[in-house]
N, C-alpha and C. Protein backbone atom coordinates (compact mmCIF):
# COMPACT_ATOMS: atom_id res chain seq x y z
N MET A 1 -69.68 88.25 137.22
CA MET A 1 -69.22 88.19 135.31
C MET A 1 -70.31 86.77 134.99
N GLN A 2 -71.08 87.37 133.76
CA GLN A 2 -71.43 86.40 132.92
C GLN A 2 -70.72 85.57 132.30
N ARG A 3 -71.23 83.88 132.25
CA ARG A 3 -70.23 83.17 131.00
C ARG A 3 -70.66 82.85 129.85
N THR A 4 -69.83 82.98 128.83
CA THR A 4 -70.50 82.58 127.35
C THR A 4 -70.73 81.62 127.08
N LYS A 5 -71.91 81.63 126.04
CA LYS A 5 -72.02 79.56 125.86
C LYS A 5 -70.61 79.00 125.66
N GLU A 6 -69.84 80.06 124.84
CA GLU A 6 -68.44 79.24 124.61
C GLU A 6 -68.11 78.29 125.68
N GLN A 7 -68.14 79.13 126.99
CA GLN A 7 -67.70 78.87 128.13
C GLN A 7 -67.62 78.09 128.58
N ARG A 8 -69.12 78.16 128.92
CA ARG A 8 -69.89 76.57 129.77
C ARG A 8 -69.57 75.81 128.82
N THR A 9 -69.83 75.71 127.81
CA THR A 9 -69.50 74.51 127.08
C THR A 9 -68.19 73.99 126.93
N GLU A 10 -67.10 74.38 127.03
CA GLU A 10 -66.03 74.43 127.68
C GLU A 10 -65.59 74.09 128.63
N GLU A 11 -66.33 74.56 129.87
CA GLU A 11 -66.25 73.99 131.01
C GLU A 11 -67.08 73.04 131.54
N GLN A 12 -68.65 72.01 130.23
CA GLN A 12 -68.72 71.14 130.12
C GLN A 12 -67.44 69.89 129.85
N ARG A 13 -67.05 70.43 129.12
CA ARG A 13 -66.14 69.61 128.23
C ARG A 13 -65.12 69.15 129.43
N VAL A 14 -64.76 69.73 130.08
CA VAL A 14 -63.91 69.96 131.13
C VAL A 14 -63.82 68.99 132.38
N TRP A 15 -65.65 69.10 132.53
CA TRP A 15 -66.23 68.58 133.42
C TRP A 15 -66.07 66.74 133.46
N ALA A 16 -66.59 67.09 132.00
CA ALA A 16 -66.77 65.08 131.80
C ALA A 16 -65.69 65.14 131.62
N LEU A 17 -64.21 65.44 131.41
CA LEU A 17 -62.67 65.06 131.64
C LEU A 17 -62.67 64.67 133.17
N ALA A 18 -62.68 65.53 133.72
CA ALA A 18 -62.63 65.45 135.13
C ALA A 18 -63.04 64.51 135.79
N ALA A 19 -64.53 64.06 135.43
CA ALA A 19 -65.41 62.96 135.83
C ALA A 19 -64.80 61.86 135.41
N THR A 20 -63.97 61.14 134.86
CA THR A 20 -63.66 60.29 134.25
C THR A 20 -62.70 59.12 135.36
N VAL A 21 -61.86 60.64 136.47
CA VAL A 21 -61.00 60.73 136.81
C VAL A 21 -61.39 59.15 138.20
N CYS A 22 -60.75 58.15 138.73
CA CYS A 22 -61.40 57.01 139.32
C CYS A 22 -60.96 57.59 141.19
N ASP A 23 -61.53 57.24 142.01
CA ASP A 23 -60.91 57.14 143.37
C ASP A 23 -59.80 56.23 143.54
N PRO A 24 -58.71 56.55 144.19
CA PRO A 24 -57.77 55.56 144.12
C PRO A 24 -57.74 54.43 145.30
N GLU A 25 -58.88 54.97 146.15
CA GLU A 25 -58.85 53.80 147.39
C GLU A 25 -60.25 53.18 147.00
N VAL A 26 -61.14 53.46 146.03
CA VAL A 26 -62.19 52.79 145.51
C VAL A 26 -62.41 52.94 144.25
N PRO A 27 -61.44 52.20 143.26
CA PRO A 27 -61.82 52.17 141.77
C PRO A 27 -62.31 52.11 140.74
N VAL A 28 -63.45 51.73 141.73
CA VAL A 28 -65.27 51.27 140.99
C VAL A 28 -65.58 52.55 140.77
N LEU A 29 -64.87 53.34 141.56
CA LEU A 29 -66.15 54.77 141.31
C LEU A 29 -65.15 56.04 141.24
N THR A 30 -65.85 57.09 139.91
CA THR A 30 -65.41 57.87 139.72
C THR A 30 -65.24 59.20 140.73
N ILE A 31 -64.13 60.11 140.47
CA ILE A 31 -64.64 61.30 141.60
C ILE A 31 -66.39 61.63 141.44
N GLU A 32 -66.68 62.03 140.45
CA GLU A 32 -68.14 62.47 140.04
C GLU A 32 -69.30 61.23 140.75
N ASP A 33 -69.07 60.16 140.79
CA ASP A 33 -69.98 58.96 141.17
C ASP A 33 -69.96 59.43 142.82
N LEU A 34 -68.65 59.54 143.18
CA LEU A 34 -68.38 59.80 144.79
C LEU A 34 -68.67 61.43 145.47
N GLY A 35 -69.26 62.02 144.19
CA GLY A 35 -69.81 63.09 144.79
C GLY A 35 -68.55 64.23 145.46
N VAL A 36 -67.19 63.91 145.12
CA VAL A 36 -66.02 64.61 144.96
C VAL A 36 -65.86 65.61 144.64
N LEU A 37 -66.53 65.73 143.04
CA LEU A 37 -66.12 66.72 142.11
C LEU A 37 -67.01 67.67 142.34
N ARG A 38 -66.56 69.08 142.90
CA ARG A 38 -67.72 70.35 143.04
C ARG A 38 -67.81 70.86 141.78
N SER A 39 -66.84 71.55 141.17
CA SER A 39 -67.06 72.49 140.06
C SER A 39 -65.77 72.43 139.40
N VAL A 40 -66.43 73.34 138.20
CA VAL A 40 -65.23 73.52 136.73
C VAL A 40 -65.34 74.86 136.85
N ARG A 41 -64.59 75.44 136.71
CA ARG A 41 -63.99 76.97 136.05
C ARG A 41 -63.41 77.22 135.18
N ILE A 42 -63.43 78.02 133.64
CA ILE A 42 -62.27 78.22 132.82
C ILE A 42 -62.27 79.80 132.81
N ALA A 43 -61.44 80.51 133.51
CA ALA A 43 -61.18 81.90 133.04
C ALA A 43 -60.92 82.74 131.70
N ALA A 44 -61.82 83.27 131.77
CA ALA A 44 -61.42 84.14 130.36
C ALA A 44 -59.88 84.34 129.98
N PRO A 45 -59.87 83.98 128.53
CA PRO A 45 -59.01 84.05 127.97
C PRO A 45 -57.86 84.97 127.87
N ALA A 46 -58.70 86.26 128.47
CA ALA A 46 -57.69 87.59 128.63
C ALA A 46 -57.05 87.35 130.00
N ASP A 47 -57.68 86.61 131.31
CA ASP A 47 -57.24 85.84 131.69
C ASP A 47 -56.11 84.64 132.11
N GLY A 48 -55.84 84.42 130.69
CA GLY A 48 -54.92 83.31 130.77
C GLY A 48 -55.67 82.04 130.17
N GLY A 49 -56.88 81.81 130.59
CA GLY A 49 -57.91 80.66 129.92
C GLY A 49 -57.37 79.42 131.51
N THR A 50 -57.27 79.77 132.38
CA THR A 50 -56.76 78.93 133.56
C THR A 50 -58.02 78.11 134.00
N VAL A 51 -57.88 76.73 133.71
CA VAL A 51 -58.98 75.66 134.27
C VAL A 51 -58.61 75.44 135.91
N LEU A 52 -59.44 75.73 136.28
CA LEU A 52 -59.98 75.69 137.99
C LEU A 52 -60.66 74.84 138.37
N VAL A 53 -60.57 73.25 138.66
CA VAL A 53 -61.03 72.60 139.19
C VAL A 53 -61.10 72.08 140.94
N GLU A 54 -62.18 72.37 141.31
CA GLU A 54 -62.86 72.29 142.84
C GLU A 54 -63.47 70.96 143.70
N ILE A 55 -62.54 70.21 144.23
CA ILE A 55 -63.03 69.04 144.66
C ILE A 55 -63.03 68.89 146.32
N THR A 56 -63.88 68.41 146.89
CA THR A 56 -63.86 68.10 148.28
C THR A 56 -63.84 66.96 148.54
N PRO A 57 -62.57 66.50 150.11
CA PRO A 57 -62.39 65.22 150.08
C PRO A 57 -63.42 64.72 150.90
N THR A 58 -63.67 63.34 151.23
CA THR A 58 -64.44 62.67 152.02
C THR A 58 -64.67 62.94 153.20
N TYR A 59 -63.08 63.09 153.79
CA TYR A 59 -62.51 63.37 155.67
C TYR A 59 -61.62 64.58 155.01
N SER A 60 -61.58 65.42 156.19
CA SER A 60 -60.90 66.77 156.03
C SER A 60 -59.06 65.74 155.71
N GLY A 61 -59.06 64.75 156.39
CA GLY A 61 -57.58 64.00 156.04
C GLY A 61 -57.34 63.29 154.97
N CYS A 62 -57.94 63.63 153.90
CA CYS A 62 -58.01 62.11 153.30
C CYS A 62 -56.70 62.05 152.88
N PRO A 63 -56.78 60.66 152.56
CA PRO A 63 -54.95 60.58 151.73
C PRO A 63 -55.19 60.66 150.18
N ALA A 64 -56.01 60.24 150.14
CA ALA A 64 -56.49 59.84 148.52
C ALA A 64 -56.31 61.37 147.45
N ILE A 65 -56.67 62.65 148.51
CA ILE A 65 -56.61 63.83 147.81
C ILE A 65 -55.82 64.43 146.96
N ASP A 66 -54.70 63.99 147.37
CA ASP A 66 -53.33 64.36 146.31
C ASP A 66 -53.30 63.58 145.45
N ALA A 67 -53.89 62.21 145.38
CA ALA A 67 -53.56 61.36 144.08
C ALA A 67 -54.64 61.75 143.05
N MET A 68 -55.59 62.06 143.89
CA MET A 68 -57.02 62.77 143.24
C MET A 68 -56.62 63.99 141.94
N ARG A 69 -55.98 64.71 143.28
CA ARG A 69 -55.18 66.27 142.32
C ARG A 69 -54.52 65.99 141.25
N ASP A 70 -53.46 65.08 141.46
CA ASP A 70 -52.69 64.53 140.14
C ASP A 70 -53.01 64.01 139.10
N ASP A 71 -54.28 63.07 139.40
CA ASP A 71 -54.91 62.16 138.41
C ASP A 71 -55.96 63.70 137.50
N ILE A 72 -56.65 64.08 138.30
CA ILE A 72 -57.09 65.16 137.25
C ILE A 72 -56.19 66.24 136.51
N VAL A 73 -54.94 67.11 137.06
CA VAL A 73 -54.24 67.40 136.13
C VAL A 73 -53.53 66.46 135.37
N ASN A 74 -53.20 65.46 134.90
CA ASN A 74 -52.75 64.79 134.44
C ASN A 74 -53.44 64.40 132.95
N THR A 75 -55.03 63.87 133.66
CA THR A 75 -56.24 63.99 132.77
C THR A 75 -56.42 65.09 132.22
N LEU A 76 -56.16 66.24 132.31
CA LEU A 76 -57.10 67.38 131.30
C LEU A 76 -55.74 68.07 130.89
N ASN A 77 -54.27 67.86 131.42
CA ASN A 77 -53.22 67.69 130.74
C ASN A 77 -53.16 67.71 129.04
N ASP A 78 -53.35 65.85 129.22
CA ASP A 78 -53.23 65.03 128.13
C ASP A 78 -54.40 65.28 127.28
N ALA A 79 -55.19 66.08 127.53
CA ALA A 79 -56.40 66.53 126.80
C ALA A 79 -56.34 67.71 125.92
N GLY A 80 -54.88 68.50 126.55
CA GLY A 80 -54.49 69.53 126.11
C GLY A 80 -54.35 70.97 127.15
N TYR A 81 -55.43 70.73 128.15
CA TYR A 81 -55.60 71.61 129.02
C TYR A 81 -53.68 72.06 129.76
N THR A 82 -53.09 73.08 129.67
CA THR A 82 -52.04 73.22 130.24
C THR A 82 -51.81 74.15 131.40
N ASP A 83 -52.91 74.26 131.76
CA ASP A 83 -53.04 75.40 132.74
C ASP A 83 -53.91 74.96 133.62
N VAL A 84 -53.57 73.97 134.72
CA VAL A 84 -54.98 73.47 135.46
C VAL A 84 -54.39 73.74 136.87
N THR A 85 -55.29 73.98 137.61
CA THR A 85 -55.37 74.37 139.06
C THR A 85 -56.72 73.63 140.09
N VAL A 86 -55.85 73.06 141.01
CA VAL A 86 -56.72 71.87 141.70
C VAL A 86 -56.99 72.20 142.89
N ARG A 87 -58.65 73.22 143.50
CA ARG A 87 -58.53 73.51 144.44
C ARG A 87 -59.19 72.77 145.62
N THR A 88 -58.36 72.67 146.92
CA THR A 88 -59.64 71.59 147.70
C THR A 88 -60.42 72.72 148.50
N VAL A 89 -61.92 71.77 148.64
CA VAL A 89 -63.01 73.04 149.52
C VAL A 89 -63.57 72.10 150.44
N LEU A 90 -63.02 72.38 151.46
CA LEU A 90 -63.84 71.87 152.87
C LEU A 90 -65.02 72.37 153.11
N ALA A 91 -65.04 73.54 152.71
CA ALA A 91 -66.67 73.60 153.35
C ALA A 91 -67.87 74.28 152.05
N PRO A 92 -68.87 73.83 151.89
CA PRO A 92 -69.15 73.02 152.51
C PRO A 92 -68.71 71.59 152.89
N ALA A 93 -68.59 70.63 153.77
CA ALA A 93 -68.11 68.79 154.19
C ALA A 93 -69.06 68.06 153.77
N TRP A 94 -67.78 67.70 153.04
CA TRP A 94 -68.58 66.90 152.31
C TRP A 94 -69.50 65.33 152.83
N THR A 95 -70.45 64.91 152.37
CA THR A 95 -71.42 64.55 152.51
C THR A 95 -71.39 62.87 151.27
N THR A 96 -72.18 61.84 151.92
CA THR A 96 -72.41 60.78 151.09
C THR A 96 -74.19 61.22 150.59
N ASP A 97 -74.70 62.13 150.93
CA ASP A 97 -75.59 62.75 149.99
C ASP A 97 -74.76 63.13 148.59
N TRP A 98 -73.72 63.25 148.38
CA TRP A 98 -73.46 63.73 147.14
C TRP A 98 -73.16 62.59 146.34
N MET A 99 -72.91 61.39 146.93
CA MET A 99 -72.66 60.22 146.25
C MET A 99 -73.89 59.71 145.25
N SER A 100 -73.50 59.42 143.68
CA SER A 100 -74.68 59.33 143.15
C SER A 100 -74.93 57.88 143.53
N ASP A 101 -76.57 57.77 142.62
CA ASP A 101 -76.95 56.22 142.80
C ASP A 101 -76.43 55.35 142.06
N ALA A 102 -75.47 56.09 141.03
CA ALA A 102 -75.16 54.70 140.29
C ALA A 102 -73.52 54.70 140.76
N GLY A 103 -73.06 55.27 141.39
CA GLY A 103 -71.84 55.00 142.69
C GLY A 103 -72.19 54.38 143.50
N LYS A 104 -73.59 54.65 144.44
CA LYS A 104 -73.82 53.20 145.69
C LYS A 104 -73.60 51.79 144.67
N ALA A 105 -74.34 52.07 143.56
CA ALA A 105 -74.83 50.62 143.11
C ALA A 105 -73.06 49.91 142.62
N LYS A 106 -72.33 50.79 142.38
CA LYS A 106 -70.97 50.37 141.81
C LYS A 106 -70.56 49.73 143.12
N LEU A 107 -71.16 50.88 144.21
CA LEU A 107 -70.03 49.79 146.05
C LEU A 107 -70.87 48.56 146.04
N GLU A 108 -71.96 48.55 145.99
CA GLU A 108 -72.63 46.73 146.33
C GLU A 108 -72.01 46.10 145.34
N ALA A 109 -72.16 46.44 143.96
CA ALA A 109 -71.61 45.20 143.21
C ALA A 109 -70.23 44.93 143.35
N PHE A 110 -69.41 46.09 143.86
CA PHE A 110 -67.75 45.36 143.97
C PHE A 110 -67.84 44.97 145.48
N GLY A 111 -68.71 44.90 146.06
CA GLY A 111 -68.97 44.09 147.77
C GLY A 111 -69.09 44.64 148.94
N ILE A 112 -68.85 46.18 148.57
CA ILE A 112 -68.79 47.36 149.63
C ILE A 112 -70.31 47.63 150.05
N ALA A 113 -70.99 47.91 151.24
CA ALA A 113 -72.34 48.22 151.84
C ALA A 113 -72.20 49.31 151.24
N PRO A 114 -72.70 50.19 150.47
CA PRO A 114 -73.49 51.69 150.06
C PRO A 114 -73.77 52.01 151.60
N PRO A 115 -73.54 53.30 151.40
CA PRO A 115 -74.21 54.03 152.59
C PRO A 115 -75.46 54.22 152.44
N GLY A 116 -76.48 54.53 154.03
CA GLY A 116 -77.57 54.39 153.73
C GLY A 116 -78.44 55.92 153.30
N ALA A 117 -79.43 55.77 153.33
CA ALA A 117 -80.15 57.48 153.32
C ALA A 117 -79.99 57.76 154.45
N ARG A 118 -80.31 59.34 154.25
CA ARG A 118 -80.06 60.46 155.45
C ARG A 118 -81.47 61.60 155.10
N ARG A 119 -81.46 61.20 156.25
CA ARG A 119 -82.99 62.28 156.53
C ARG A 119 -82.62 63.85 157.18
N ASP A 120 -82.91 64.60 156.34
CA ASP A 120 -83.19 66.24 157.03
C ASP A 120 -81.53 66.29 157.69
N GLY A 121 -80.36 65.85 156.91
CA GLY A 121 -79.16 66.05 157.26
C GLY A 121 -78.74 65.26 158.73
N ARG A 122 -79.94 64.00 158.81
CA ARG A 122 -79.43 62.89 159.84
C ARG A 122 -79.11 62.08 159.21
N VAL A 123 -78.24 61.04 160.24
CA VAL A 123 -77.58 59.52 159.61
C VAL A 123 -78.74 58.93 160.56
N GLY A 124 -80.12 57.65 159.87
CA GLY A 124 -80.80 57.17 160.60
C GLY A 124 -80.56 56.03 160.76
N LEU A 125 -80.70 55.32 162.34
CA LEU A 125 -80.45 54.06 162.03
C LEU A 125 -81.21 53.09 162.09
N GLY A 126 -80.38 52.02 161.13
CA GLY A 126 -81.09 50.81 160.18
C GLY A 126 -81.30 49.76 161.44
N LEU A 127 -82.14 48.77 161.05
CA LEU A 127 -81.94 47.50 162.09
C LEU A 127 -80.57 46.82 161.27
N GLY A 128 -79.70 46.93 160.23
CA GLY A 128 -78.48 46.39 160.34
C GLY A 128 -78.02 46.73 158.96
N ILE A 129 -76.64 46.43 158.38
CA ILE A 129 -75.88 46.87 157.48
C ILE A 129 -76.64 45.56 156.61
N ARG A 130 -77.39 45.89 155.40
CA ARG A 130 -76.88 44.61 154.35
C ARG A 130 -75.97 44.34 153.97
N CYS A 131 -75.58 43.38 153.75
CA CYS A 131 -74.52 41.73 153.47
C CYS A 131 -74.66 42.60 151.39
N PRO A 132 -73.57 43.26 151.56
CA PRO A 132 -73.65 43.34 149.54
C PRO A 132 -73.06 41.97 148.50
N HIS A 133 -73.10 40.36 149.66
CA HIS A 133 -72.82 39.65 148.77
C HIS A 133 -74.11 38.73 149.34
N CYS A 134 -74.85 38.66 150.52
CA CYS A 134 -76.15 37.78 150.19
C CYS A 134 -77.13 38.74 150.73
N GLY A 135 -77.30 39.77 150.81
CA GLY A 135 -78.39 40.36 151.34
C GLY A 135 -78.62 40.28 152.75
N SER A 136 -78.32 39.86 153.63
CA SER A 136 -78.52 39.42 154.90
C SER A 136 -78.62 40.90 155.97
N LEU A 137 -79.24 41.09 156.61
CA LEU A 137 -79.21 42.63 157.60
C LEU A 137 -78.57 41.61 158.72
N HIS A 138 -78.32 40.33 159.38
CA HIS A 138 -77.77 39.73 159.98
C HIS A 138 -76.38 39.79 160.20
N THR A 139 -75.61 41.22 160.05
CA THR A 139 -74.73 41.39 159.63
C THR A 139 -73.80 41.98 161.32
N ARG A 140 -72.50 42.22 161.42
CA ARG A 140 -72.37 42.58 163.15
C ARG A 140 -70.58 43.78 162.63
N GLU A 141 -70.48 45.07 163.46
CA GLU A 141 -69.74 45.85 162.90
C GLU A 141 -68.14 44.66 163.36
N LEU A 142 -66.72 44.86 162.63
CA LEU A 142 -65.86 44.34 163.35
C LEU A 142 -65.21 45.39 163.66
N SER A 143 -64.97 46.42 163.04
CA SER A 143 -63.89 47.56 163.35
C SER A 143 -64.76 48.70 162.99
N HIS A 144 -64.32 49.81 163.35
CA HIS A 144 -65.36 50.99 163.06
C HIS A 144 -64.47 51.41 162.30
N PHE A 145 -63.22 51.23 161.91
CA PHE A 145 -61.65 51.78 160.97
C PHE A 145 -62.16 50.44 160.23
N GLY A 146 -62.34 50.29 158.60
CA GLY A 146 -62.24 49.72 157.80
C GLY A 146 -60.84 49.83 157.15
N SER A 147 -60.71 49.70 155.58
CA SER A 147 -59.69 49.51 154.76
C SER A 147 -59.18 50.98 154.42
N THR A 148 -59.95 51.78 154.96
CA THR A 148 -59.95 53.52 154.75
C THR A 148 -60.77 54.01 155.91
N SER A 149 -60.60 55.67 156.38
CA SER A 149 -61.02 55.92 157.22
C SER A 149 -62.82 56.02 157.04
N CYS A 150 -62.96 56.20 155.31
CA CYS A 150 -64.33 56.23 155.54
C CYS A 150 -65.11 54.89 155.60
N LYS A 151 -65.01 53.90 155.56
CA LYS A 151 -65.26 52.93 155.53
C LYS A 151 -64.91 52.32 156.81
N ALA A 152 -66.27 50.83 157.25
CA ALA A 152 -66.04 50.26 158.61
C ALA A 152 -66.29 48.63 158.17
N LEU A 153 -65.80 47.76 159.33
CA LEU A 153 -65.16 46.47 158.39
C LEU A 153 -66.49 45.80 158.94
N TYR A 154 -67.49 44.96 158.14
CA TYR A 154 -67.98 44.29 159.08
C TYR A 154 -68.23 42.85 158.48
N VAL A 155 -68.87 41.84 159.37
CA VAL A 155 -69.38 40.47 159.05
C VAL A 155 -70.69 40.34 158.47
N CYS A 156 -70.84 39.59 157.59
CA CYS A 156 -72.18 38.53 157.97
C CYS A 156 -72.05 37.47 158.30
N GLN A 157 -73.08 37.72 159.06
CA GLN A 157 -73.59 36.47 160.01
C GLN A 157 -74.23 35.25 159.44
N ARG A 158 -75.07 35.42 158.47
CA ARG A 158 -75.46 34.00 157.37
C ARG A 158 -74.67 33.32 156.72
N CYS A 159 -74.03 34.40 155.28
CA CYS A 159 -72.49 34.39 154.62
C CYS A 159 -71.11 33.76 154.97
N ARG A 160 -70.97 34.59 156.31
CA ARG A 160 -69.66 34.63 157.28
C ARG A 160 -68.24 35.36 156.14
N GLU A 161 -68.99 36.30 155.03
CA GLU A 161 -68.12 36.92 154.72
C GLU A 161 -68.30 38.33 155.14
N PRO A 162 -66.69 38.81 155.01
CA PRO A 162 -66.34 40.14 155.80
C PRO A 162 -67.03 40.94 154.82
N PHE A 163 -66.95 41.98 154.88
CA PHE A 163 -67.28 43.15 154.25
C PHE A 163 -67.27 45.03 154.49
N ASP A 164 -66.68 45.44 153.63
CA ASP A 164 -66.30 47.28 153.91
C ASP A 164 -67.64 47.13 154.11
N TYR A 165 -68.50 48.65 154.63
CA TYR A 165 -69.38 49.35 154.63
C TYR A 165 -68.87 51.35 154.75
N PHE A 166 -69.23 51.57 153.41
CA PHE A 166 -68.84 53.05 153.17
C PHE A 166 -69.59 53.73 154.08
N LYS A 167 -69.09 54.46 155.17
CA LYS A 167 -69.97 55.31 156.51
C LYS A 167 -70.30 56.22 155.80
N ALA A 168 -71.96 56.34 156.48
CA ALA A 168 -72.79 57.46 156.14
C ALA A 168 -72.15 58.72 156.84
N HIS A 169 -72.10 60.10 156.26
CA HIS A 169 -71.90 61.29 156.85
C HIS A 169 -72.32 62.21 156.33
């Protein structure tokens, strides 16, 4: 079905509102920065005008997805949208390729090493993970699982600071 100009404009407004919701595990990132916000649709008024928001979790068992869903609903309810459905979509699977460059910069400024670039769907092997504190590549992994399942815990051998690395996948 063809979307009217008014529907597209309203969907852009809803997207902008939903895009302000922060990731509860990394609050410097919005769900748009993270690439979790996938789509927004508004049903035709004859269908009740229901707002449908689709999100894809970073991991299929991501514990933050329920908080994200609640925050999206609350944000849209506060803006006057009373009939909101948030659907979790697992396919295609989330990838760090969906993160915005601005989101990666926010991670680094927050002290979390951002994921590296992927090529042809593969994660490249680099010389090391760059320390977000001093920039050194002389780092080592302490634990493959950090404060959340999407991060690993590293330490810099130069400045001795521990830091999270947002794993590429």
